[in-house]
């Protein structure tokens, strides 16, 4: 299993949270949520800057993009 696998660590959790953030707001909201989740991890690791996980951040943003696409599909179905 590669380090980008959804079965690694809590990547699936980050993806699901990102989808929810993108669905309920915008991609910018998902980016904010991704940064907040990683900031929380930094605090729990005593501000050890090596603990910032770009892979988790990226999975959250990917989830936000998917959530935004779902939101746009729903809005399109409502309007047309």
PDB file of N, CA and C in Angstrom:
ATOM      1  N   UNK A   1       0.834  -1.181   0.000  1.00  0.00           N
ATOM      2  CA  UNK A   1       0.000   0.000   0.000  1.00  0.00           C
ATOM      3  C   UNK A   1       0.882   1.249   0.000  1.00  0.00           C
ATOM      4  N   UNK A   2       0.582   2.159  -0.904  1.00  0.00           N
ATOM      5  CA  UNK A   2       1.331   3.405  -0.954  1.00  0.00           C
ATOM      6  C   UNK A   2       0.872   4.366   0.126  1.00  0.00           C
ATOM      7  N   UNK A   3       1.646   5.431   0.289  1.00  0.00           N
ATOM      8  CA  UNK A   3       1.285   6.387   1.329  1.00  0.00           C
ATOM      9  C   UNK A   3       0.089   7.235   0.952  1.00  0.00           C
ATOM     10  N   UNK A   4      -0.362   7.184  -0.311  1.00  0.00           N
ATOM     11  CA  UNK A   4      -1.552   7.936  -0.747  1.00  0.00           C
ATOM     12  C   UNK A   4      -2.829   7.112  -0.634  1.00  0.00           C
ATOM     13  N   UNK A   5      -2.717   5.852  -0.215  1.00  0.00           N
ATOM     14  CA  UNK A   5      -3.869   4.965  -0.139  1.00  0.00           C
ATOM     15  C   UNK A   5      -4.900   5.465   0.874  1.00  0.00           C
ATOM     16  N   UNK A   6      -6.183   5.276   0.548  1.00  0.00           N
ATOM     17  CA  UNK A   6      -7.247   5.670   1.467  1.00  0.00           C
ATOM     18  C   UNK A   6      -7.269   4.814   2.725  1.00  0.00           C
ATOM     19  N   UNK A   7      -6.641   3.634   2.671  1.00  0.00           N
ATOM     20  CA  UNK A   7      -6.612   2.761   3.840  1.00  0.00           C
ATOM     21  C   UNK A   7      -5.530   3.176   4.830  1.00  0.00           C
ATOM     22  N   UNK A   8      -4.648   4.078   4.402  1.00  0.00           N
ATOM     23  CA  UNK A   8      -3.597   4.571   5.290  1.00  0.00           C
ATOM     24  C   UNK A   8      -4.149   5.577   6.279  1.00  0.00           C
ATOM     25  N   UNK A   9      -3.680   5.523   7.493  1.00  0.00           N
ATOM     26  CA  UNK A   9      -3.954   6.525   8.516  1.00  0.00           C
ATOM     27  C   UNK A   9      -5.438   6.859   8.568  1.00  0.00           C
ATOM     28  N   UNK A  10      -5.771   8.131   8.458  1.00  0.00           N
ATOM     29  CA  UNK A  10      -7.164   8.565   8.504  1.00  0.00           C
ATOM     30  C   UNK A  10      -7.524   9.311   7.222  1.00  0.00           C
ATOM     31  N   UNK A  11      -6.987   8.859   6.100  1.00  0.00           N
ATOM     32  CA  UNK A  11      -7.231   9.530   4.830  1.00  0.00           C
ATOM     33  C   UNK A  11      -8.704   9.494   4.436  1.00  0.00           C
ATOM     34  N   UNK A  12      -9.388   8.386   4.704  1.00  0.00           N
ATOM     35  CA  UNK A  12     -10.812   8.297   4.386  1.00  0.00           C
ATOM     36  C   UNK A  12     -11.608   9.308   5.200  1.00  0.00           C
ATOM     37  N   UNK A  13     -11.223   9.512   6.453  1.00  0.00           N
ATOM     38  CA  UNK A  13     -11.865  10.513   7.310  1.00  0.00           C
ATOM     39  C   UNK A  13     -11.693  11.907   6.692  1.00  0.00           C
ATOM     40  N   UNK A  14     -10.498  12.220   6.245  1.00  0.00           N
ATOM     41  CA  UNK A  14     -10.243  13.517   5.632  1.00  0.00           C
ATOM     42  C   UNK A  14     -11.057  13.685   4.351  1.00  0.00           C
ATOM     43  N   UNK A  15     -11.168  12.633   3.550  1.00  0.00           N
ATOM     44  CA  UNK A  15     -11.950  12.705   2.321  1.00  0.00           C
ATOM     45  C   UNK A  15     -13.424  12.968   2.624  1.00  0.00           C
ATOM     46  N   UNK A  16     -13.983  12.270   3.595  1.00  0.00           N
ATOM     47  CA  UNK A  16     -15.398  12.430   3.947  1.00  0.00           C
ATOM     48  C   UNK A  16     -15.663  13.831   4.503  1.00  0.00           C
ATOM     49  N   UNK A  17     -14.791  14.316   5.378  1.00  0.00           N
ATOM     50  CA  UNK A  17     -14.942  15.669   5.912  1.00  0.00           C
ATOM     51  C   UNK A  17     -14.841  16.695   4.791  1.00  0.00           C
ATOM     52  N   UNK A  18     -13.939  16.476   3.839  1.00  0.00           N
ATOM     53  CA  UNK A  18     -13.802  17.376   2.697  1.00  0.00           C
ATOM     54  C   UNK A  18     -15.049  17.386   1.834  1.00  0.00           C
ATOM     55  N   UNK A  19     -15.653  16.216   1.612  1.00  0.00           N
ATOM     56  CA  UNK A  19     -16.894  16.150   0.829  1.00  0.00           C
ATOM     57  C   UNK A  19     -17.993  16.935   1.528  1.00  0.00           C
ATOM     58  N   UNK A  20     -18.105  16.762   2.819  1.00  0.00           N
ATOM     59  CA  UNK A  20     -19.123  17.498   3.572  1.00  0.00           C
ATOM     60  C   UNK A  20     -18.882  19.007   3.491  1.00  0.00           C
ATOM     61  N   UNK A  21     -17.618  19.415   3.616  1.00  0.00           N
ATOM     62  CA  UNK A  21     -17.297  20.843   3.549  1.00  0.00           C
ATOM     63  C   UNK A  21     -17.594  21.408   2.167  1.00  0.00           C
ATOM     64  N   UNK A  22     -17.255  20.687   1.124  1.00  0.00           N
ATOM     65  CA  UNK A  22     -17.529  21.152  -0.232  1.00  0.00           C
ATOM     66  C   UNK A  22     -19.005  21.161  -0.553  1.00  0.00           C
ATOM     67  N   UNK A  23     -19.734  20.222   0.006  1.00  0.00           N
ATOM     68  CA  UNK A  23     -21.173  20.136  -0.232  1.00  0.00           C
ATOM     69  C   UNK A  23     -21.924  21.242   0.492  1.00  0.00           C
ATOM     70  N   UNK A  24     -21.462  21.599   1.680  1.00  0.00           N
ATOM     71  CA  UNK A  24     -22.183  22.590   2.473  1.00  0.00           C
ATOM     72  C   UNK A  24     -21.694  24.020   2.251  1.00  0.00           C
ATOM     73  N   UNK A  25     -20.514  24.195   1.644  1.00  0.00           N
ATOM     74  CA  UNK A  25     -20.038  25.548   1.367  1.00  0.00           C
ATOM     75  C   UNK A  25     -19.404  25.588  -0.020  1.00  0.00           C
ATOM     76  N   UNK A  26     -18.144  25.942  -0.105  1.00  0.00           N
ATOM     77  CA  UNK A  26     -17.438  25.991  -1.388  1.00  0.00           C
ATOM     78  C   UNK A  26     -16.087  25.311  -1.242  1.00  0.00           C
ATOM     79  N   UNK A  27     -15.338  25.293  -2.328  1.00  0.00           N
ATOM     80  CA  UNK A  27     -14.002  24.718  -2.269  1.00  0.00           C
ATOM     81  C   UNK A  27     -13.108  25.518  -1.326  1.00  0.00           C
ATOM     82  N   UNK A  28     -13.348  26.820  -1.242  1.00  0.00           N
ATOM     83  CA  UNK A  28     -12.569  27.636  -0.304  1.00  0.00           C
ATOM     84  C   UNK A  28     -12.851  27.226   1.143  1.00  0.00           C
ATOM     85  N   UNK A  29     -14.091  26.876   1.419  1.00  0.00           N
ATOM     86  CA  UNK A  29     -14.430  26.375   2.748  1.00  0.00           C
ATOM     87  C   UNK A  29     -13.723  25.063   3.028  1.00  0.00           C
ATOM     88  N   UNK A  30     -13.625  24.211   2.006  1.00  0.00           N
ATOM     89  CA  UNK A  30     -12.939  22.931   2.175  1.00  0.00           C
ATOM     90  C   UNK A  30     -11.446  23.139   2.425  1.00  0.00           C
ATOM     91  N   UNK A  31     -10.857  24.126   1.761  1.00  0.00           N
ATOM     92  CA  UNK A  31      -9.446  24.428   1.996  1.00  0.00           C
ATOM     93  C   UNK A  31      -9.249  24.923   3.425  1.00  0.00           C
ATOM     94  N   UNK A  32     -10.177  25.736   3.900  1.00  0.00           N
ATOM     95  CA  UNK A  32     -10.101  26.205   5.292  1.00  0.00           C
ATOM     96  C   UNK A  32     -10.236  25.046   6.272  1.00  0.00           C
ATOM     97  N   UNK A  33     -11.142  24.119   5.980  1.00  0.00           N
ATOM     98  CA  UNK A  33     -11.326  22.957   6.851  1.00  0.00           C
ATOM     99  C   UNK A  33     -10.066  22.091   6.843  1.00  0.00           C
ATOM    100  N   UNK A  34      -9.464  21.900   5.656  1.00  0.00           N
ATOM    101  CA  UNK A  34      -8.242  21.101   5.566  1.00  0.00           C
ATOM    102  C   UNK A  34      -7.132  21.725   6.400  1.00  0.00           C
ATOM    103  N   UNK A  35      -6.999  23.039   6.312  1.00  0.00           N
ATOM    104  CA  UNK A  35      -5.961  23.726   7.090  1.00  0.00           C
ATOM    105  C   UNK A  35      -6.258  23.657   8.584  1.00  0.00           C
ATOM    106  N   UNK A  36      -7.523  23.760   8.949  1.00  0.00           N
ATOM    107  CA  UNK A  36      -7.891  23.672  10.369  1.00  0.00           C
ATOM    108  C   UNK A  36      -7.610  22.279  10.918  1.00  0.00           C
ATOM    109  N   UNK A  37      -7.902  21.243  10.127  1.00  0.00           N
ATOM    110  CA  UNK A  37      -7.620  19.881  10.592  1.00  0.00           C
ATOM    111  C   UNK A  37      -6.123  19.677  10.802  1.00  0.00           C
ATOM    112  N   UNK A  38      -5.325  20.184   9.877  1.00  0.00           N
ATOM    113  CA  UNK A  38      -3.875  20.027  10.037  1.00  0.00           C
ATOM    114  C   UNK A  38      -3.352  20.907  11.165  1.00  0.00           C
ATOM    115  N   UNK A  39      -3.951  22.085  11.364  1.00  0.00           N
ATOM    116  CA  UNK A  39      -3.575  22.922  12.503  1.00  0.00           C
ATOM    117  C   UNK A  39      -3.860  22.235  13.825  1.00  0.00           C
ATOM    118  N   UNK A  40      -4.983  21.524  13.869  1.00  0.00           N
ATOM    119  CA  UNK A  40      -5.322  20.746  15.073  1.00  0.00           C
ATOM    120  C   UNK A  40      -4.261  19.670  15.315  1.00  0.00           C
ATOM    121  N   UNK A  41      -3.833  19.008  14.240  1.00  0.00           N
ATOM    122  CA  UNK A  41      -2.786  17.990  14.389  1.00  0.00           C
ATOM    123  C   UNK A  41      -1.477  18.611  14.874  1.00  0.00           C
ATOM    124  N   UNK A  42      -1.166  19.818  14.394  1.00  0.00           N
ATOM    125  CA  UNK A  42       0.041  20.504  14.864  1.00  0.00           C
ATOM    126  C   UNK A  42      -0.042  20.789  16.357  1.00  0.00           C
ATOM    127  N   UNK A  43      -1.209  21.227  16.825  1.00  0.00           N
ATOM    128  CA  UNK A  43      -1.368  21.525  18.245  1.00  0.00           C
ATOM    129  C   UNK A  43      -1.210  20.276  19.096  1.00  0.00           C
ATOM    130  N   UNK A  44      -1.763  19.149  18.625  1.00  0.00           N
ATOM    131  CA  UNK A  44      -1.646  17.914  19.393  1.00  0.00           C
ATOM    132  C   UNK A  44      -0.221  17.383  19.402  1.00  0.00           C
ATOM    133  N   UNK A  45       0.585  17.790  18.422  1.00  0.00           N
ATOM    134  CA  UNK A  45       1.987  17.359  18.370  1.00  0.00           C
ATOM    135  C   UNK A  45       2.919  18.451  18.870  1.00  0.00           C
ATOM    136  N   UNK A  46       2.414  19.334  19.732  1.00  0.00           N
ATOM    137  CA  UNK A  46       3.218  20.395  20.352  1.00  0.00           C
ATOM    138  C   UNK A  46       3.911  21.277  19.319  1.00  0.00           C
ATOM    139  N   UNK A  47       3.202  21.636  18.281  1.00  0.00           N
ATOM    140  CA  UNK A  47       3.672  22.542  17.231  1.00  0.00           C
ATOM    141  C   UNK A  47       4.948  22.048  16.562  1.00  0.00           C
ATOM    142  N   UNK A  48       5.087  20.736  16.464  1.00  0.00           N
ATOM    143  CA  UNK A  48       6.197  20.146  15.730  1.00  0.00           C
ATOM    144  C   UNK A  48       5.893  20.315  14.240  1.00  0.00           C
ATOM    145  N   UNK A  49       6.609  21.211  13.569  1.00  0.00           N
ATOM    146  CA  UNK A  49       6.282  21.553  12.180  1.00  0.00           C
ATOM    147  C   UNK A  49       6.449  20.380  11.228  1.00  0.00           C
ATOM    148  N   UNK A  50       7.135  19.330  11.662  1.00  0.00           N
ATOM    149  CA  UNK A  50       7.270  18.151  10.813  1.00  0.00           C
ATOM    150  C   UNK A  50       5.994  17.314  10.805  1.00  0.00           C
ATOM    151  N   UNK A  51       5.025  17.670  11.661  1.00  0.00           N
ATOM    152  CA  UNK A  51       3.809  16.867  11.732  1.00  0.00           C
ATOM    153  C   UNK A  51       2.738  17.343  10.745  1.00  0.00           C
ATOM    154  N   UNK A  52       2.985  18.454  10.021  1.00  0.00           N
ATOM    155  CA  UNK A  52       2.027  18.899   9.004  1.00  0.00           C
ATOM    156  C   UNK A  52       2.011  17.849   7.910  1.00  0.00           C
ATOM    157  N   UNK A  53       0.838  17.284   7.645  1.00  0.00           N
ATOM    158  CA  UNK A  53       0.716  16.190   6.687  1.00  0.00           C
ATOM    159  C   UNK A  53       0.033  16.706   5.427  1.00  0.00           C
ATOM    160  N   UNK A  54       0.824  16.923   4.397  1.00  0.00           N
ATOM    161  CA  UNK A  54       0.280  17.435   3.140  1.00  0.00           C
ATOM    162  C   UNK A  54      -0.621  16.420   2.453  1.00  0.00           C
ATOM    163  N   UNK A  55      -0.406  15.145   2.721  1.00  0.00           N
ATOM    164  CA  UNK A  55      -1.250  14.122   2.107  1.00  0.00           C
ATOM    165  C   UNK A  55      -2.660  14.198   2.690  1.00  0.00           C
ATOM    166  N   UNK A  56      -2.778  14.309   4.017  1.00  0.00           N
ATOM    167  CA  UNK A  56      -4.099  14.481   4.640  1.00  0.00           C
ATOM    168  C   UNK A  56      -4.765  15.755   4.130  1.00  0.00           C
ATOM    169  N   UNK A  57      -4.004  16.837   4.037  1.00  0.00           N
ATOM    170  CA  UNK A  57      -4.529  18.117   3.557  1.00  0.00           C
ATOM    171  C   UNK A  57      -5.063  17.965   2.128  1.00  0.00           C
ATOM    172  N   UNK A  58      -4.291  17.269   1.294  1.00  0.00           N
ATOM    173  CA  UNK A  58      -4.694  17.069  -0.102  1.00  0.00           C
ATOM    174  C   UNK A  58      -5.950  16.216  -0.197  1.00  0.00           C
ATOM    175  N   UNK A  59      -6.064  15.158   0.618  1.00  0.00           N
ATOM    176  CA  UNK A  59      -7.266  14.332   0.599  1.00  0.00           C
ATOM    177  C   UNK A  59      -8.490  15.141   1.006  1.00  0.00           C
ATOM    178  N   UNK A  60      -8.330  16.054   1.955  1.00  0.00           N
ATOM    179  CA  UNK A  60      -9.453  16.894   2.362  1.00  0.00           C
ATOM    180  C   UNK A  60      -9.863  17.828   1.230  1.00  0.00           C
ATOM    181  N   UNK A  61      -8.895  18.399   0.527  1.00  0.00           N
ATOM    182  CA  UNK A  61      -9.203  19.293  -0.596  1.00  0.00           C
ATOM    183  C   UNK A  61      -9.842  18.508  -1.749  1.00  0.00           C
ATOM    184  N   UNK A  62      -9.362  17.298  -2.009  1.00  0.00           N
ATOM    185  CA  UNK A  62      -9.977  16.459  -3.046  1.00  0.00           C
ATOM    186  C   UNK A  62     -11.429  16.168  -2.673  1.00  0.00           C
ATOM    187  N   UNK A  63     -11.673  15.868  -1.413  1.00  0.00           N
ATOM    188  CA  UNK A  63     -13.046  15.673  -0.951  1.00  0.00           C
ATOM    189  C   UNK A  63     -13.877  16.927  -1.147  1.00  0.00           C
ATOM    190  N   UNK A  64     -13.274  18.096  -0.898  1.00  0.00           N
ATOM    191  CA  UNK A  64     -13.978  19.360  -1.115  1.00  0.00           C
ATOM    192  C   UNK A  64     -14.351  19.569  -2.570  1.00  0.00           C
ATOM    193  N   UNK A  65     -13.458  19.181  -3.472  1.00  0.00           N
ATOM    194  CA  UNK A  65     -13.758  19.288  -4.908  1.00  0.00           C
ATOM    195  C   UNK A  65     -14.914  18.361  -5.264  1.00  0.00           C
ATOM    196  N   UNK A  66     -14.894  17.138  -4.751  1.00  0.00           N
ATOM    197  CA  UNK A  66     -15.991  16.196  -5.014  1.00  0.00           C
ATOM    198  C   UNK A  66     -17.308  16.721  -4.440  1.00  0.00           C
ATOM    199  N   UNK A  67     -17.260  17.270  -3.228  1.00  0.00           N
ATOM    200  CA  UNK A  67     -18.455  17.829  -2.617  1.00  0.00           C
ATOM    201  C   UNK A  67     -19.001  19.006  -3.404  1.00  0.00           C
ATOM    202  N   UNK A  68     -18.112  19.837  -3.932  1.00  0.00           N
ATOM    203  CA  UNK A  68     -18.540  20.974  -4.749  1.00  0.00           C
ATOM    204  C   UNK A  68     -19.195  20.495  -6.040  1.00  0.00           C
ATOM    205  N   UNK A  69     -18.653  19.448  -6.646  1.00  0.00           N
ATOM    206  CA  UNK A  69     -19.260  18.886  -7.859  1.00  0.00           C
ATOM    207  C   UNK A  69     -20.651  18.347  -7.554  1.00  0.00           C
ATOM    208  N   UNK A  70     -20.794  17.628  -6.442  1.00  0.00           N
ATOM    209  CA  UNK A  70     -22.109  17.110  -6.043  1.00  0.00           C
ATOM    210  C   UNK A  70     -23.081  18.258  -5.808  1.00  0.00           C
ATOM    211  N   UNK A  71     -22.603  19.320  -5.142  1.00  0.00           N
ATOM    212  CA  UNK A  71     -23.452  20.488  -4.886  1.00  0.00           C
ATOM    213  C   UNK A  71     -23.919  21.115  -6.197  1.00  0.00           C
ATOM    214  N   UNK A  72     -23.034  21.248  -7.163  1.00  0.00           N
ATOM    215  CA  UNK A  72     -23.403  21.846  -8.444  1.00  0.00           C
ATOM    216  C   UNK A  72     -24.398  20.973  -9.210  1.00  0.00           C
ATOM    217  N   UNK A  73     -24.243  19.654  -9.132  1.00  0.00           N
ATOM    218  CA  UNK A  73     -25.192  18.750  -9.774  1.00  0.00           C
ATOM    219  C   UNK A  73     -26.580  18.895  -9.146  1.00  0.00           C
ATOM    220  N   UNK A  74     -26.627  18.957  -7.811  1.00  0.00           N
ATOM    221  CA  UNK A  74     -27.902  19.130  -7.117  1.00  0.00           C
ATOM    222  C   UNK A  74     -28.544  20.459  -7.511  1.00  0.00           C
ATOM    223  N   UNK A  75     -27.764  21.530  -7.519  1.00  0.00           N
ATOM    224  CA  UNK A  75     -28.312  22.825  -7.897  1.00  0.00           C
ATOM    225  C   UNK A  75     -28.804  22.836  -9.343  1.00  0.00           C
ATOM    226  N   UNK A  76     -28.075  22.178 -10.221  1.00  0.00           N
ATOM    227  CA  UNK A  76     -28.495  22.091 -11.636  1.00  0.00           C
ATOM    228  C   UNK A  76     -29.821  21.354 -11.742  1.00  0.00           C
ATOM    229  N   UNK A  77     -29.961  20.249 -11.001  1.00  0.00           N
ATOM    230  CA  UNK A  77     -31.219  19.484 -11.038  1.00  0.00           C
ATOM    231  C   UNK A  77     -32.383  20.285 -10.486  1.00  0.00           C
ATOM    232  N   UNK A  78     -32.144  21.128  -9.478  1.00  0.00           N
ATOM    233  CA  UNK A  78     -33.205  21.952  -8.910  1.00  0.00           C
ATOM    234  C   UNK A  78     -33.633  23.049  -9.894  1.00  0.00           C
ATOM    235  N   UNK A  79     -32.648  23.692 -10.524  1.00  0.00           N
ATOM    236  CA  UNK A  79     -32.946  24.831 -11.394  1.00  0.00           C
ATOM    237  C   UNK A  79     -33.546  24.372 -12.715  1.00  0.00           C
ATOM    238  N   UNK A  80     -33.031  23.281 -13.313  1.00  0.00           N
ATOM    239  CA  UNK A  80     -33.519  22.856 -14.635  1.00  0.00           C
ATOM    240  C   UNK A  80     -34.338  21.630 -14.566  1.00  0.00           C
TER     241      UNK A  80
END
